[in-house]
Amino acid sequence: MAADLVDIRTFVYDWFARNGEPPSLMDIGRAHGLDESGVLAALRKLHDGHLVVLDETHREIVMAHPWASAPMGFVVAGPAQKWWGGCAWDSFAIPALVGRTCLVATHCGGCGAAMALDVKPDRAPIEPWVAHLPVPVLRQWDDVVATCSSQLLFCRPAHVDEWCARTGSQKGEVLDLRTLWTLATRWYHGRMTREYRRRTPGEAGVFFAGIGLTGDFWRTE
């Protein structure tokens, strides 16, 4: 039986949203009438299409953006469920996808101070913190797990420079929380639906420019 990739993609995303973890191969197989080889083949196609991220063995789901299967520096908590956010960008998207205010908690990438704030699905936060995205868009999928792991929140802009100096990283884009929230909620809009499809590079470039993100960092082709 051929796998319906849209069915499997939406099943994986919905499972993450409801359970805070990825479905197992058995869970996917039972839901779609597939044996293990059929499930793995479907997941590898979704991985190649940047719709899920598999581990090095291509047998385990590591991420299905914006969900992560293990701690990556961000906890996102709703009234009845907790999730691991893959990065600052992903964590700010989850409240809009689940349709409820969530507590996003992390530590400042510079000083290590605990940071927690309510992120609403319909209104940007007002805290004077910043997010730093060090890897340009064109290179973010070279090692997407490493990219996500480096997208952090900082309690003050000066701490971004301290983090770059300490880690030897080149400074990328620094976003205020309103811009981060706008990027996250609009980028992932419709992600849970069957109609969702990834933007082409050209469409992504138009999207970024449309919310005021321009320059070489945001170049998509």
N, C-alpha and C. Protein backbone atom coordinates (compact mmCIF):
# COMPACT_ATOMS: atom_id res chain seq x y z
N MET A 1 0.85 -1.20 0.00
CA MET A 1 0.00 0.00 0.00
C MET A 1 0.88 1.24 0.00
N ALA A 2 0.65 2.15 -0.92
CA ALA A 2 1.44 3.38 -1.00
C ALA A 2 1.04 4.33 0.13
N ALA A 3 2.04 4.99 0.69
CA ALA A 3 1.78 5.93 1.79
C ALA A 3 1.26 7.25 1.24
N ASP A 4 0.30 7.83 1.92
CA ASP A 4 -0.16 9.18 1.62
C ASP A 4 0.67 10.12 2.47
N LEU A 5 1.60 10.83 1.85
CA LEU A 5 2.53 11.67 2.60
C LEU A 5 1.83 12.80 3.33
N VAL A 6 0.77 13.33 2.75
CA VAL A 6 0.04 14.40 3.43
C VAL A 6 -0.61 13.86 4.70
N ASP A 7 -1.21 12.67 4.60
CA ASP A 7 -1.82 12.06 5.78
C ASP A 7 -0.78 11.84 6.87
N ILE A 8 0.38 11.34 6.50
CA ILE A 8 1.41 11.04 7.50
C ILE A 8 1.98 12.32 8.08
N ARG A 9 2.20 13.32 7.24
CA ARG A 9 2.71 14.60 7.75
C ARG A 9 1.74 15.19 8.77
N THR A 10 0.47 15.29 8.43
CA THR A 10 -0.49 15.89 9.35
C THR A 10 -0.67 15.02 10.60
N PHE A 11 -0.55 13.72 10.46
CA PHE A 11 -0.63 12.82 11.61
C PHE A 11 0.52 13.10 12.57
N VAL A 12 1.73 13.24 12.04
CA VAL A 12 2.90 13.51 12.88
C VAL A 12 2.75 14.84 13.60
N TYR A 13 2.36 15.89 12.89
CA TYR A 13 2.21 17.21 13.51
C TYR A 13 1.13 17.18 14.58
N ASP A 14 -0.01 16.54 14.28
CA ASP A 14 -1.10 16.49 15.24
C ASP A 14 -0.69 15.69 16.47
N TRP A 15 0.06 14.61 16.27
CA TRP A 15 0.51 13.80 17.40
C TRP A 15 1.42 14.63 18.32
N PHE A 16 2.34 15.35 17.73
CA PHE A 16 3.20 16.25 18.52
C PHE A 16 2.35 17.24 19.32
N ALA A 17 1.37 17.86 18.65
CA ALA A 17 0.56 18.88 19.31
C ALA A 17 -0.23 18.30 20.48
N ARG A 18 -0.74 17.07 20.32
CA ARG A 18 -1.57 16.47 21.35
C ARG A 18 -0.75 15.81 22.46
N ASN A 19 0.41 15.28 22.12
CA ASN A 19 1.15 14.44 23.07
C ASN A 19 2.51 14.98 23.49
N GLY A 20 3.00 16.01 22.81
CA GLY A 20 4.28 16.58 23.19
C GLY A 20 5.48 15.73 22.81
N GLU A 21 5.30 14.74 21.98
CA GLU A 21 6.37 13.86 21.54
C GLU A 21 6.01 13.28 20.18
N PRO A 22 6.98 12.73 19.47
CA PRO A 22 6.66 12.19 18.14
C PRO A 22 5.98 10.84 18.23
N PRO A 23 5.20 10.47 17.24
CA PRO A 23 4.64 9.12 17.20
C PRO A 23 5.74 8.11 16.89
N SER A 24 5.56 6.90 17.34
CA SER A 24 6.50 5.82 17.00
C SER A 24 6.23 5.31 15.60
N LEU A 25 7.13 4.52 15.08
CA LEU A 25 6.90 3.89 13.78
C LEU A 25 5.64 3.03 13.83
N MET A 26 5.43 2.36 14.96
CA MET A 26 4.24 1.51 15.11
C MET A 26 2.98 2.35 15.11
N ASP A 27 3.01 3.50 15.79
CA ASP A 27 1.84 4.38 15.81
C ASP A 27 1.47 4.81 14.39
N ILE A 28 2.47 5.21 13.63
CA ILE A 28 2.21 5.66 12.26
C ILE A 28 1.71 4.51 11.41
N GLY A 29 2.35 3.35 11.54
CA GLY A 29 1.95 2.19 10.74
C GLY A 29 0.53 1.77 11.01
N ARG A 30 0.15 1.69 12.27
CA ARG A 30 -1.21 1.29 12.63
C ARG A 30 -2.24 2.26 12.07
N ALA A 31 -1.95 3.54 12.13
CA ALA A 31 -2.91 4.55 11.68
C ALA A 31 -3.08 4.56 10.17
N HIS A 32 -2.07 4.07 9.44
CA HIS A 32 -2.10 4.20 7.98
C HIS A 32 -1.98 2.87 7.25
N GLY A 33 -2.05 1.77 7.98
CA GLY A 33 -2.01 0.46 7.34
C GLY A 33 -0.70 0.16 6.66
N LEU A 34 0.41 0.58 7.27
CA LEU A 34 1.72 0.40 6.67
C LEU A 34 2.61 -0.47 7.55
N ASP A 35 3.46 -1.25 6.92
CA ASP A 35 4.47 -1.96 7.70
C ASP A 35 5.64 -1.02 7.96
N GLU A 36 6.62 -1.48 8.72
CA GLU A 36 7.72 -0.60 9.13
C GLU A 36 8.47 -0.03 7.94
N SER A 37 8.71 -0.85 6.92
CA SER A 37 9.45 -0.35 5.75
C SER A 37 8.67 0.74 5.03
N GLY A 38 7.35 0.59 4.99
CA GLY A 38 6.54 1.63 4.36
C GLY A 38 6.56 2.93 5.13
N VAL A 39 6.52 2.82 6.46
CA VAL A 39 6.58 4.03 7.30
C VAL A 39 7.92 4.72 7.12
N LEU A 40 9.00 3.94 7.17
CA LEU A 40 10.34 4.53 7.03
C LEU A 40 10.51 5.20 5.68
N ALA A 41 10.00 4.59 4.63
CA ALA A 41 10.11 5.18 3.30
C ALA A 41 9.38 6.51 3.24
N ALA A 42 8.19 6.56 3.85
CA ALA A 42 7.43 7.80 3.86
C ALA A 42 8.14 8.88 4.67
N LEU A 43 8.66 8.53 5.84
CA LEU A 43 9.34 9.51 6.68
C LEU A 43 10.60 10.04 5.99
N ARG A 44 11.29 9.19 5.26
CA ARG A 44 12.49 9.65 4.55
C ARG A 44 12.13 10.63 3.44
N LYS A 45 11.00 10.43 2.79
CA LYS A 45 10.56 11.39 1.78
C LYS A 45 10.20 12.72 2.44
N LEU A 46 9.54 12.67 3.59
CA LEU A 46 9.21 13.90 4.31
C LEU A 46 10.48 14.59 4.80
N HIS A 47 11.45 13.81 5.22
CA HIS A 47 12.75 14.36 5.63
C HIS A 47 13.43 15.06 4.47
N ASP A 48 13.45 14.41 3.32
CA ASP A 48 14.08 15.01 2.14
C ASP A 48 13.36 16.28 1.70
N GLY A 49 12.06 16.37 2.00
CA GLY A 49 11.29 17.56 1.66
C GLY A 49 11.30 18.61 2.75
N HIS A 50 12.14 18.41 3.78
CA HIS A 50 12.26 19.35 4.91
C HIS A 50 10.94 19.53 5.66
N LEU A 51 10.16 18.46 5.75
CA LEU A 51 8.88 18.49 6.46
C LEU A 51 8.95 17.79 7.81
N VAL A 52 9.91 16.90 7.98
CA VAL A 52 10.30 16.37 9.29
C VAL A 52 11.83 16.27 9.26
N VAL A 53 12.41 16.09 10.44
CA VAL A 53 13.86 15.89 10.54
C VAL A 53 14.10 14.56 11.23
N LEU A 54 14.81 13.66 10.57
CA LEU A 54 15.14 12.36 11.13
C LEU A 54 16.54 12.35 11.70
N ASP A 55 16.81 11.39 12.58
CA ASP A 55 18.15 11.26 13.12
C ASP A 55 19.08 10.64 12.09
N GLU A 56 20.32 10.41 12.47
CA GLU A 56 21.32 9.92 11.51
C GLU A 56 20.98 8.54 10.97
N THR A 57 20.23 7.74 11.73
CA THR A 57 19.85 6.41 11.25
C THR A 57 18.63 6.46 10.34
N HIS A 58 17.99 7.63 10.26
CA HIS A 58 16.76 7.80 9.49
C HIS A 58 15.63 6.89 9.98
N ARG A 59 15.62 6.66 11.30
CA ARG A 59 14.58 5.82 11.89
C ARG A 59 13.78 6.54 12.98
N GLU A 60 14.29 7.65 13.48
CA GLU A 60 13.64 8.36 14.57
C GLU A 60 13.37 9.80 14.16
N ILE A 61 12.20 10.32 14.54
CA ILE A 61 11.86 11.72 14.27
C ILE A 61 12.51 12.59 15.33
N VAL A 62 13.38 13.50 14.91
CA VAL A 62 14.03 14.44 15.82
C VAL A 62 13.22 15.72 15.95
N MET A 63 12.73 16.20 14.82
CA MET A 63 11.94 17.43 14.80
C MET A 63 10.87 17.33 13.72
N ALA A 64 9.77 18.00 13.98
CA ALA A 64 8.76 18.28 12.95
C ALA A 64 8.39 19.73 13.22
N HIS A 65 9.18 20.63 12.68
CA HIS A 65 9.09 22.05 13.03
C HIS A 65 7.63 22.53 13.10
N PRO A 66 7.27 23.19 14.22
CA PRO A 66 8.14 23.72 15.26
C PRO A 66 8.36 22.81 16.46
N TRP A 67 7.92 21.56 16.36
CA TRP A 67 8.05 20.63 17.49
C TRP A 67 9.42 19.97 17.49
N ALA A 68 9.94 19.69 18.68
CA ALA A 68 11.17 18.92 18.84
C ALA A 68 10.87 17.73 19.74
N SER A 69 11.61 16.64 19.53
CA SER A 69 11.34 15.41 20.29
C SER A 69 12.12 15.34 21.59
N ALA A 70 13.06 16.26 21.82
CA ALA A 70 13.90 16.25 23.01
C ALA A 70 14.26 17.68 23.36
N PRO A 71 14.74 17.94 24.58
CA PRO A 71 15.08 19.32 24.97
C PRO A 71 16.11 19.95 24.03
N MET A 72 15.80 21.17 23.61
CA MET A 72 16.72 21.94 22.77
C MET A 72 16.84 23.38 23.28
N GLY A 73 16.56 23.54 24.58
CA GLY A 73 16.76 24.84 25.19
C GLY A 73 15.49 25.62 25.48
N PHE A 74 14.34 25.17 24.95
CA PHE A 74 13.08 25.88 25.14
C PHE A 74 11.99 24.92 25.59
N VAL A 75 11.26 25.33 26.61
CA VAL A 75 10.05 24.62 27.04
C VAL A 75 8.86 25.51 26.72
N VAL A 76 7.87 24.92 26.09
CA VAL A 76 6.63 25.64 25.77
C VAL A 76 5.50 24.89 26.48
N ALA A 77 4.78 25.57 27.36
CA ALA A 77 3.76 24.92 28.17
C ALA A 77 2.41 25.59 28.00
N GLY A 78 1.41 24.77 27.64
CA GLY A 78 0.04 25.23 27.59
C GLY A 78 -0.69 24.77 28.83
N PRO A 79 -2.01 24.98 28.90
CA PRO A 79 -2.77 24.60 30.09
C PRO A 79 -2.72 23.11 30.40
N ALA A 80 -2.60 22.26 29.37
CA ALA A 80 -2.67 20.82 29.60
C ALA A 80 -1.57 20.04 28.91
N GLN A 81 -0.61 20.71 28.30
CA GLN A 81 0.43 20.00 27.56
C GLN A 81 1.72 20.80 27.57
N LYS A 82 2.83 20.09 27.47
CA LYS A 82 4.15 20.70 27.40
C LYS A 82 4.85 20.19 26.15
N TRP A 83 5.61 21.09 25.52
CA TRP A 83 6.35 20.72 24.32
C TRP A 83 7.80 21.21 24.44
N TRP A 84 8.68 20.58 23.69
CA TRP A 84 10.03 21.10 23.49
C TRP A 84 10.01 21.95 22.22
N GLY A 85 10.40 23.20 22.36
CA GLY A 85 10.53 24.06 21.19
C GLY A 85 11.92 23.91 20.60
N GLY A 86 12.01 23.85 19.27
CA GLY A 86 13.30 23.64 18.64
C GLY A 86 14.24 24.82 18.76
N CYS A 87 13.69 26.04 18.89
CA CYS A 87 14.50 27.25 18.94
C CYS A 87 13.58 28.41 19.30
N ALA A 88 14.13 29.61 19.34
CA ALA A 88 13.30 30.78 19.62
C ALA A 88 12.21 30.94 18.56
N TRP A 89 12.57 30.82 17.30
CA TRP A 89 11.63 30.95 16.19
C TRP A 89 10.51 29.92 16.34
N ASP A 90 10.85 28.66 16.53
CA ASP A 90 9.85 27.61 16.65
C ASP A 90 8.98 27.78 17.88
N SER A 91 9.60 28.11 19.01
CA SER A 91 8.85 28.21 20.26
C SER A 91 7.77 29.28 20.19
N PHE A 92 8.05 30.37 19.49
CA PHE A 92 7.06 31.43 19.36
C PHE A 92 5.94 31.06 18.39
N ALA A 93 6.13 30.01 17.60
CA ALA A 93 5.09 29.58 16.66
C ALA A 93 4.07 28.67 17.31
N ILE A 94 4.47 27.91 18.32
CA ILE A 94 3.60 26.89 18.89
C ILE A 94 2.30 27.46 19.45
N PRO A 95 2.31 28.58 20.19
CA PRO A 95 1.03 29.10 20.70
C PRO A 95 0.00 29.36 19.61
N ALA A 96 0.42 29.89 18.48
CA ALA A 96 -0.53 30.16 17.40
C ALA A 96 -1.05 28.85 16.80
N LEU A 97 -0.20 27.85 16.70
CA LEU A 97 -0.63 26.58 16.10
C LEU A 97 -1.61 25.84 17.00
N VAL A 98 -1.42 25.93 18.33
CA VAL A 98 -2.35 25.24 19.23
C VAL A 98 -3.50 26.13 19.65
N GLY A 99 -3.43 27.42 19.29
CA GLY A 99 -4.54 28.33 19.53
C GLY A 99 -4.76 28.72 20.97
N ARG A 100 -3.65 28.82 21.74
CA ARG A 100 -3.81 29.21 23.14
C ARG A 100 -2.52 29.86 23.64
N THR A 101 -2.64 30.68 24.67
CA THR A 101 -1.48 31.30 25.28
C THR A 101 -0.61 30.22 25.93
N CYS A 102 0.69 30.31 25.70
CA CYS A 102 1.63 29.35 26.27
C CYS A 102 2.75 30.08 26.99
N LEU A 103 3.29 29.46 28.01
CA LEU A 103 4.48 29.95 28.68
C LEU A 103 5.69 29.42 27.93
N VAL A 104 6.54 30.32 27.46
CA VAL A 104 7.79 29.94 26.81
C VAL A 104 8.92 30.22 27.80
N ALA A 105 9.70 29.21 28.12
CA ALA A 105 10.77 29.34 29.11
C ALA A 105 12.10 28.89 28.52
N THR A 106 13.15 29.63 28.85
CA THR A 106 14.49 29.32 28.37
C THR A 106 15.49 30.03 29.28
N HIS A 107 16.74 30.08 28.87
CA HIS A 107 17.76 30.85 29.58
C HIS A 107 18.44 31.80 28.59
N CYS A 108 18.83 32.95 29.07
CA CYS A 108 19.54 33.90 28.23
C CYS A 108 20.81 33.24 27.69
N GLY A 109 21.00 33.35 26.38
CA GLY A 109 22.19 32.77 25.77
C GLY A 109 23.47 33.43 26.22
N GLY A 110 23.37 34.65 26.78
CA GLY A 110 24.56 35.36 27.21
C GLY A 110 24.90 35.13 28.66
N CYS A 111 23.99 35.49 29.57
CA CYS A 111 24.30 35.43 31.00
C CYS A 111 23.72 34.21 31.69
N GLY A 112 22.85 33.46 31.01
CA GLY A 112 22.27 32.27 31.60
C GLY A 112 21.08 32.52 32.49
N ALA A 113 20.64 33.76 32.60
CA ALA A 113 19.49 34.07 33.46
C ALA A 113 18.23 33.39 32.92
N ALA A 114 17.40 32.91 33.86
CA ALA A 114 16.13 32.31 33.46
C ALA A 114 15.23 33.35 32.81
N MET A 115 14.57 32.96 31.73
CA MET A 115 13.66 33.85 31.01
C MET A 115 12.36 33.09 30.76
N ALA A 116 11.25 33.71 31.09
CA ALA A 116 9.95 33.08 30.85
C ALA A 116 8.93 34.17 30.55
N LEU A 117 8.08 33.92 29.59
CA LEU A 117 7.05 34.89 29.23
C LEU A 117 5.87 34.18 28.61
N ASP A 118 4.71 34.79 28.76
CA ASP A 118 3.51 34.30 28.08
C ASP A 118 3.55 34.76 26.63
N VAL A 119 3.37 33.82 25.73
CA VAL A 119 3.28 34.14 24.30
C VAL A 119 1.86 33.82 23.85
N LYS A 120 1.18 34.82 23.33
CA LYS A 120 -0.21 34.69 22.93
C LYS A 120 -0.31 34.37 21.44
N PRO A 121 -1.37 33.69 21.02
CA PRO A 121 -1.52 33.39 19.60
C PRO A 121 -1.90 34.58 18.75
N ASP A 122 -2.39 35.66 19.40
CA ASP A 122 -2.93 36.79 18.64
C ASP A 122 -2.32 38.14 18.99
N ARG A 123 -1.28 38.14 19.80
CA ARG A 123 -0.68 39.42 20.17
C ARG A 123 0.79 39.23 20.52
N ALA A 124 1.65 40.09 19.97
CA ALA A 124 3.09 39.96 20.18
C ALA A 124 3.47 40.34 21.61
N PRO A 125 4.50 39.70 22.16
CA PRO A 125 4.99 40.08 23.49
C PRO A 125 5.61 41.48 23.45
N ILE A 126 5.72 42.09 24.63
CA ILE A 126 6.28 43.44 24.70
C ILE A 126 7.58 43.49 25.49
N GLU A 127 8.06 42.36 26.00
CA GLU A 127 9.30 42.37 26.76
C GLU A 127 10.46 42.89 25.90
N PRO A 128 11.39 43.63 26.49
CA PRO A 128 12.50 44.22 25.72
C PRO A 128 13.66 43.25 25.50
N TRP A 129 13.35 42.00 25.25
CA TRP A 129 14.38 40.99 24.98
C TRP A 129 14.60 40.89 23.48
N VAL A 130 15.60 40.14 23.08
CA VAL A 130 15.89 39.97 21.66
C VAL A 130 16.17 38.50 21.37
N ALA A 131 16.00 38.15 20.11
CA ALA A 131 16.39 36.84 19.61
C ALA A 131 17.55 37.03 18.64
N HIS A 132 18.46 36.05 18.64
CA HIS A 132 19.59 36.10 17.71
C HIS A 132 19.55 34.86 16.83
N LEU A 133 19.55 35.09 15.51
CA LEU A 133 19.60 34.01 14.53
C LEU A 133 20.95 34.10 13.83
N PRO A 134 21.91 33.23 14.15
CA PRO A 134 23.26 33.38 13.61
C PRO A 134 23.47 32.82 12.21
N VAL A 135 22.64 31.87 11.78
CA VAL A 135 22.88 31.18 10.51
C VAL A 135 21.98 31.76 9.42
N PRO A 136 22.56 32.28 8.33
CA PRO A 136 21.74 32.84 7.24
C PRO A 136 20.77 31.82 6.67
N VAL A 137 19.66 32.29 6.13
CA VAL A 137 18.60 31.43 5.65
C VAL A 137 19.10 30.39 4.64
N LEU A 138 19.98 30.78 3.74
CA LEU A 138 20.46 29.85 2.72
C LEU A 138 21.22 28.67 3.30
N ARG A 139 21.73 28.80 4.52
CA ARG A 139 22.54 27.73 5.11
C ARG A 139 21.86 27.02 6.27
N GLN A 140 20.62 27.40 6.56
CA GLN A 140 19.99 26.87 7.76
C GLN A 140 19.73 25.37 7.71
N TRP A 141 19.54 24.82 6.51
CA TRP A 141 19.30 23.38 6.41
C TRP A 141 20.57 22.59 6.16
N ASP A 142 21.74 23.25 6.15
CA ASP A 142 22.99 22.48 6.05
C ASP A 142 23.11 21.52 7.23
N ASP A 143 22.77 22.00 8.41
CA ASP A 143 22.67 21.19 9.63
C ASP A 143 21.57 21.83 10.45
N VAL A 144 20.34 21.42 10.19
CA VAL A 144 19.19 22.13 10.74
C VAL A 144 19.11 22.01 12.26
N VAL A 145 19.56 20.89 12.82
CA VAL A 145 19.53 20.75 14.27
C VAL A 145 20.50 21.73 14.91
N ALA A 146 21.70 21.86 14.34
CA ALA A 146 22.66 22.82 14.85
C ALA A 146 22.14 24.25 14.68
N THR A 147 21.50 24.51 13.55
CA THR A 147 20.93 25.84 13.33
C THR A 147 19.91 26.17 14.40
N CYS A 148 18.98 25.25 14.64
CA CYS A 148 17.94 25.51 15.64
C CYS A 148 18.55 25.68 17.03
N SER A 149 19.55 24.88 17.34
CA SER A 149 20.17 24.94 18.66
C SER A 149 20.84 26.28 18.93
N SER A 150 21.15 27.02 17.88
CA SER A 150 21.86 28.29 18.04
C SER A 150 20.93 29.51 18.01
N GLN A 151 19.64 29.30 17.78
CA GLN A 151 18.69 30.41 17.71
C GLN A 151 18.13 30.65 19.11
N LEU A 152 18.70 31.62 19.81
CA LEU A 152 18.46 31.80 21.24
C LEU A 152 17.81 33.14 21.55
N LEU A 153 17.27 33.23 22.76
CA LEU A 153 16.80 34.50 23.29
C LEU A 153 17.86 35.09 24.21
N PHE A 154 17.89 36.42 24.30
CA PHE A 154 18.84 37.13 25.14
C PHE A 154 18.10 38.21 25.91
N CYS A 155 18.46 38.38 27.18
CA CYS A 155 17.73 39.36 28.00
C CYS A 155 18.15 40.78 27.70
N ARG A 156 19.27 40.96 26.99
CA ARG A 156 19.66 42.29 26.53
C ARG A 156 20.53 42.15 25.29
N PRO A 157 20.48 43.12 24.38
CA PRO A 157 21.23 43.01 23.12
C PRO A 157 22.73 42.82 23.30
N ALA A 158 23.33 43.44 24.33
CA ALA A 158 24.77 43.32 24.53
C ALA A 158 25.19 41.88 24.75
N HIS A 159 24.29 41.05 25.26
CA HIS A 159 24.63 39.66 25.53
C HIS A 159 24.79 38.85 24.24
N VAL A 160 24.21 39.34 23.16
CA VAL A 160 24.41 38.67 21.86
C VAL A 160 25.89 38.76 21.48
N ASP A 161 26.48 39.94 21.62
CA ASP A 161 27.89 40.11 21.28
C ASP A 161 28.77 39.25 22.20
N GLU A 162 28.42 39.16 23.47
CA GLU A 162 29.19 38.32 24.39
C GLU A 162 29.12 36.85 23.98
N TRP A 163 27.92 36.41 23.58
CA TRP A 163 27.75 35.02 23.14
C TRP A 163 28.58 34.75 21.88
N CYS A 164 28.55 35.67 20.93
CA CYS A 164 29.33 35.50 19.70
C CYS A 164 30.82 35.42 20.00
N ALA A 165 31.31 36.27 20.89
CA ALA A 165 32.72 36.26 21.25
C ALA A 165 33.09 34.96 21.96
N ARG A 166 32.23 34.50 22.83
CA ARG A 166 32.51 33.29 23.60
C ARG A 166 32.49 32.04 22.74
N THR A 167 31.58 31.99 21.77
CA THR A 167 31.42 30.79 20.95
C THR A 167 32.18 30.85 19.63
N GLY A 168 32.72 32.03 19.31
CA GLY A 168 33.40 32.19 18.03
C GLY A 168 32.45 32.22 16.86
N SER A 169 31.21 32.59 17.11
CA SER A 169 30.20 32.62 16.06
C SER A 169 30.10 34.01 15.45
N GLN A 170 29.79 34.05 14.17
CA GLN A 170 29.56 35.32 13.51
C GLN A 170 28.18 35.84 13.88
N LYS A 171 28.08 37.13 14.13
CA LYS A 171 26.79 37.72 14.49
C LYS A 171 25.86 37.71 13.29
N GLY A 172 24.64 37.25 13.50
CA GLY A 172 23.66 37.19 12.43
C GLY A 172 22.63 38.29 12.55
N GLU A 173 21.37 37.90 12.64
CA GLU A 173 20.27 38.85 12.74
C GLU A 173 19.76 38.90 14.18
N VAL A 174 19.57 40.10 14.68
CA VAL A 174 19.00 40.30 16.00
C VAL A 174 17.60 40.87 15.83
N LEU A 175 16.61 40.16 16.40
CA LEU A 175 15.21 40.54 16.23
C LEU A 175 14.60 40.91 17.58
N ASP A 176 13.82 41.99 17.61
CA ASP A 176 13.03 42.24 18.81
C ASP A 176 11.90 41.21 18.86
N LEU A 177 11.23 41.09 20.00
CA LEU A 177 10.24 40.02 20.17
C LEU A 177 9.02 40.19 19.29
N ARG A 178 8.65 41.43 18.99
CA ARG A 178 7.51 41.64 18.08
C ARG A 178 7.83 41.08 16.69
N THR A 179 9.03 41.34 16.21
CA THR A 179 9.41 40.82 14.89
C THR A 179 9.53 39.31 14.92
N LEU A 180 10.11 38.76 15.99
CA LEU A 180 10.22 37.30 16.11
C LEU A 180 8.84 36.66 16.12
N TRP A 181 7.91 37.23 16.88
CA TRP A 181 6.55 36.69 16.94
C TRP A 181 5.87 36.75 15.58
N THR A 182 6.03 37.86 14.88
CA THR A 182 5.43 37.99 13.55
C THR A 182 6.02 36.97 12.59
N LEU A 183 7.34 36.82 12.61
CA LEU A 183 8.00 35.83 11.77
C LEU A 183 7.48 34.43 12.07
N ALA A 184 7.45 34.07 13.34
CA ALA A 184 7.09 32.71 13.73
C ALA A 184 5.64 32.39 13.40
N THR A 185 4.73 33.26 13.80
CA THR A 185 3.31 32.94 13.61
C THR A 185 2.92 32.94 12.14
N ARG A 186 3.47 33.83 11.36
CA ARG A 186 3.10 33.87 9.94
C ARG A 186 3.82 32.79 9.14
N TRP A 187 5.06 32.49 9.49
CA TRP A 187 5.81 31.46 8.76
C TRP A 187 5.13 30.10 8.89
N TYR A 188 4.64 29.79 10.07
CA TYR A 188 4.05 28.47 10.32
C TYR A 188 2.53 28.45 10.14
N HIS A 189 1.95 29.54 9.69
CA HIS A 189 0.50 29.58 9.52
C HIS A 189 0.03 28.45 8.59
N GLY A 190 -0.96 27.70 9.03
CA GLY A 190 -1.51 26.62 8.21
C GLY A 190 -0.73 25.33 8.27
N ARG A 191 0.31 25.28 9.08
CA ARG A 191 1.19 24.11 9.12
C ARG A 191 0.45 22.81 9.46
N MET A 192 -0.61 22.91 10.25
CA MET A 192 -1.32 21.71 10.70
C MET A 192 -2.35 21.21 9.69
N THR A 193 -2.57 21.92 8.63
CA THR A 193 -3.63 21.57 7.69
C THR A 193 -3.11 20.70 6.55
N ARG A 194 -4.02 20.00 5.90
CA ARG A 194 -3.66 19.19 4.73
C ARG A 194 -3.22 20.07 3.57
N GLU A 195 -3.73 21.31 3.52
CA GLU A 195 -3.43 22.18 2.38
C GLU A 195 -2.04 22.79 2.45
N TYR A 196 -1.39 22.69 3.60
CA TYR A 196 -0.08 23.31 3.76
C TYR A 196 0.94 22.73 2.78
N ARG A 197 1.79 23.59 2.25
CA ARG A 197 2.96 23.15 1.49
C ARG A 197 4.09 24.12 1.76
N ARG A 198 5.30 23.62 1.67
CA ARG A 198 6.45 24.47 1.90
C ARG A 198 6.55 25.53 0.81
N ARG A 199 6.96 26.71 1.20
CA ARG A 199 7.18 27.77 0.22
C ARG A 199 8.37 27.43 -0.67
N THR A 200 8.29 27.83 -1.91
CA THR A 200 9.46 27.76 -2.77
C THR A 200 10.46 28.81 -2.29
N PRO A 201 11.74 28.73 -2.70
CA PRO A 201 12.69 29.78 -2.31
C PRO A 201 12.21 31.18 -2.68
N GLY A 202 11.63 31.31 -3.86
CA GLY A 202 11.13 32.62 -4.27
C GLY A 202 10.00 33.10 -3.38
N GLU A 203 9.08 32.20 -3.05
CA GLU A 203 7.97 32.56 -2.17
C GLU A 203 8.46 32.92 -0.77
N ALA A 204 9.47 32.19 -0.31
CA ALA A 204 10.03 32.50 1.01
C ALA A 204 10.65 33.89 1.03
N GLY A 205 11.35 34.23 -0.05
CA GLY A 205 11.95 35.56 -0.14
C GLY A 205 10.91 36.66 -0.11
N VAL A 206 9.80 36.44 -0.81
CA VAL A 206 8.71 37.42 -0.82
C VAL A 206 8.11 37.53 0.58
N PHE A 207 7.94 36.39 1.26
CA PHE A 207 7.40 36.39 2.61
C PHE A 207 8.28 37.21 3.55
N PHE A 208 9.59 36.93 3.55
CA PHE A 208 10.49 37.65 4.45
C PHE A 208 10.44 39.16 4.18
N ALA A 209 10.51 39.52 2.90
CA ALA A 209 10.47 40.95 2.56
C ALA A 209 9.16 41.59 3.00
N GLY A 210 8.08 40.83 2.93
CA GLY A 210 6.77 41.35 3.29
C GLY A 210 6.62 41.69 4.76
N ILE A 211 7.46 41.10 5.61
CA ILE A 211 7.41 41.45 7.03
C ILE A 211 8.65 42.26 7.43
N GLY A 212 9.31 42.83 6.41
CA GLY A 212 10.41 43.76 6.67
C GLY A 212 11.77 43.13 6.89
N LEU A 213 11.92 41.84 6.54
CA LEU A 213 13.21 41.16 6.72
C LEU A 213 13.91 41.08 5.37
N THR A 214 14.90 41.92 5.18
CA THR A 214 15.60 42.01 3.90
C THR A 214 17.11 41.96 4.15
N GLY A 215 17.86 41.91 3.05
CA GLY A 215 19.32 41.86 3.16
C GLY A 215 19.84 40.47 2.92
N ASP A 216 21.17 40.33 2.88
CA ASP A 216 21.80 39.07 2.54
C ASP A 216 21.41 37.94 3.48
N PHE A 217 21.21 38.23 4.76
CA PHE A 217 20.88 37.18 5.72
C PHE A 217 19.60 36.45 5.29
N TRP A 218 18.64 37.17 4.72
CA TRP A 218 17.34 36.60 4.39
C TRP A 218 17.24 36.16 2.93
N ARG A 219 18.35 36.17 2.24
CA ARG A 219 18.36 35.74 0.83
C ARG A 219 18.03 34.24 0.75
N THR A 220 17.15 33.86 -0.17
CA THR A 220 16.68 32.49 -0.26
C THR A 220 17.14 31.77 -1.53
N GLU A 221 17.77 32.47 -2.44
CA GLU A 221 18.26 31.83 -3.67
C GLU A 221 19.32 32.69 -4.31
